[in-house]
Amino acid sequence: MAPRVDTKDLDHILDHTSHLWEEVRGQRIFITGGTGYFGCWLLESFTSATDQLHLGAKATVLSRNPQAFAAKVPHLANHPSVHLIQGDVRTFEFPSGEFPFVIHAATEASAKLNQENPLLMFETIVEGTRRTLEFARTHGTCKFLLTSSGAVYGKQPPGMTHIPEDYLGAPDPMDPSAAYGEGKWAAEVLCRLYTHHFGIETKIVRCFAQVGPHLPMDIHFAMGNFIRDAVRGGPIHVNGDGTPHRSYLYASDLAIWLWTILFEGQPCHPYNLGSDRSISIADLASLVRQLVAPASEVIIAQRADPSQPPSRYVPSIERARKELALEAWVPLEEAIQKTVRWLTIE
């Protein structure tokens, strides 16, 4: 069973979103992917706001396995404002009634699946988005949020330190490993078409790397793996050469961004979602070691090739900053420490 998140994080979210919630008072919201990392933080913040502001709002949450979710986070699954339904995002039965707000956060964000069965990856993203948009079209939805990905840009050019939303790069369609990014690109196209034909306000966030409670610690996320290794006392393993650059947004800031863009973002006007503080994977491993397990060591599996520029996956967040006053408020060091404290709660 996962521990509860720090109430200070929930207060931080409410401090930055309190002006948004009146719109959802007495309303219903539908969330796909509500039991994943993004979904947990959407529900943590939604239930907190509902309780503190007495909103009387309800969230219906699609899950492939409601029983497993209830065992993992019973305080969310059993909250009176949350109703879980079972189903596959590609084929789920539509619950009845109107849902003015829909958040489509269901994604098979699995590097293993993308490598072993890219067709299934692509199919799940595209068909799941179409199914959720059809639900929105037929159930009175006004505002729809898609969690897309920075993967839609393809490889970030070596000379570009921060990738902006108007960059017109794209994944290589001949590369099967690009199925995830291509699927997200197609999902964005579907959102634009549903806005054009049916008038639904579709909002799009292109998500980059994250850190915080509820983040999986045992899959392909470097940050999660480093924290896991450090909590165990090390060593901290870097599987590659440590040169790629990434950035990390803390979970409470993530929730603020998602709710703000759903309610106030411009339709069909994608926003990068992430931190713009760039750090190499090797430096990230060293930072985690310093903060969590100073006596451990960092082991880098491969030797860097100095003739090759480091790859980057770092967003520009100027659009969200200027239009919506969003920031990466929680520093990376604090984000790591907060995640470790949550992970080590007895």
Foldseek 3Di string as FASTA:
>chain_A
DFDDADVVLLVVLCVLCVVPCQVQQLAEEEEEPLLALLNVLLQSNVLSSCVVVVRNYAYEYEDQDLVVSCVHCVVRSVRPRYHYDHDQLLDDDADDAAHQEYEYPDAPPALVCLVPPLVVRLCSLQSSLVSVLVSCLPRNYAFYEYEAALLQQAFDDLVDLAAEPPRPHGHDPVDSSSSRNVSSVNSLVVQVVCCVPRVHQYEYEHEFAEFAPSDDLPGDRLLSVLLVQLQVQDDREAEAAQAEKGFYFYSSLQNSVRSLCRRPNGGSPYFYDGAQDIDTSVVSSVLSCVLRHVVHHYHYNDHDDVVDRHTYDGHDRVVCCVRPVRHSPQDPSNRSVSRSVSVPDD
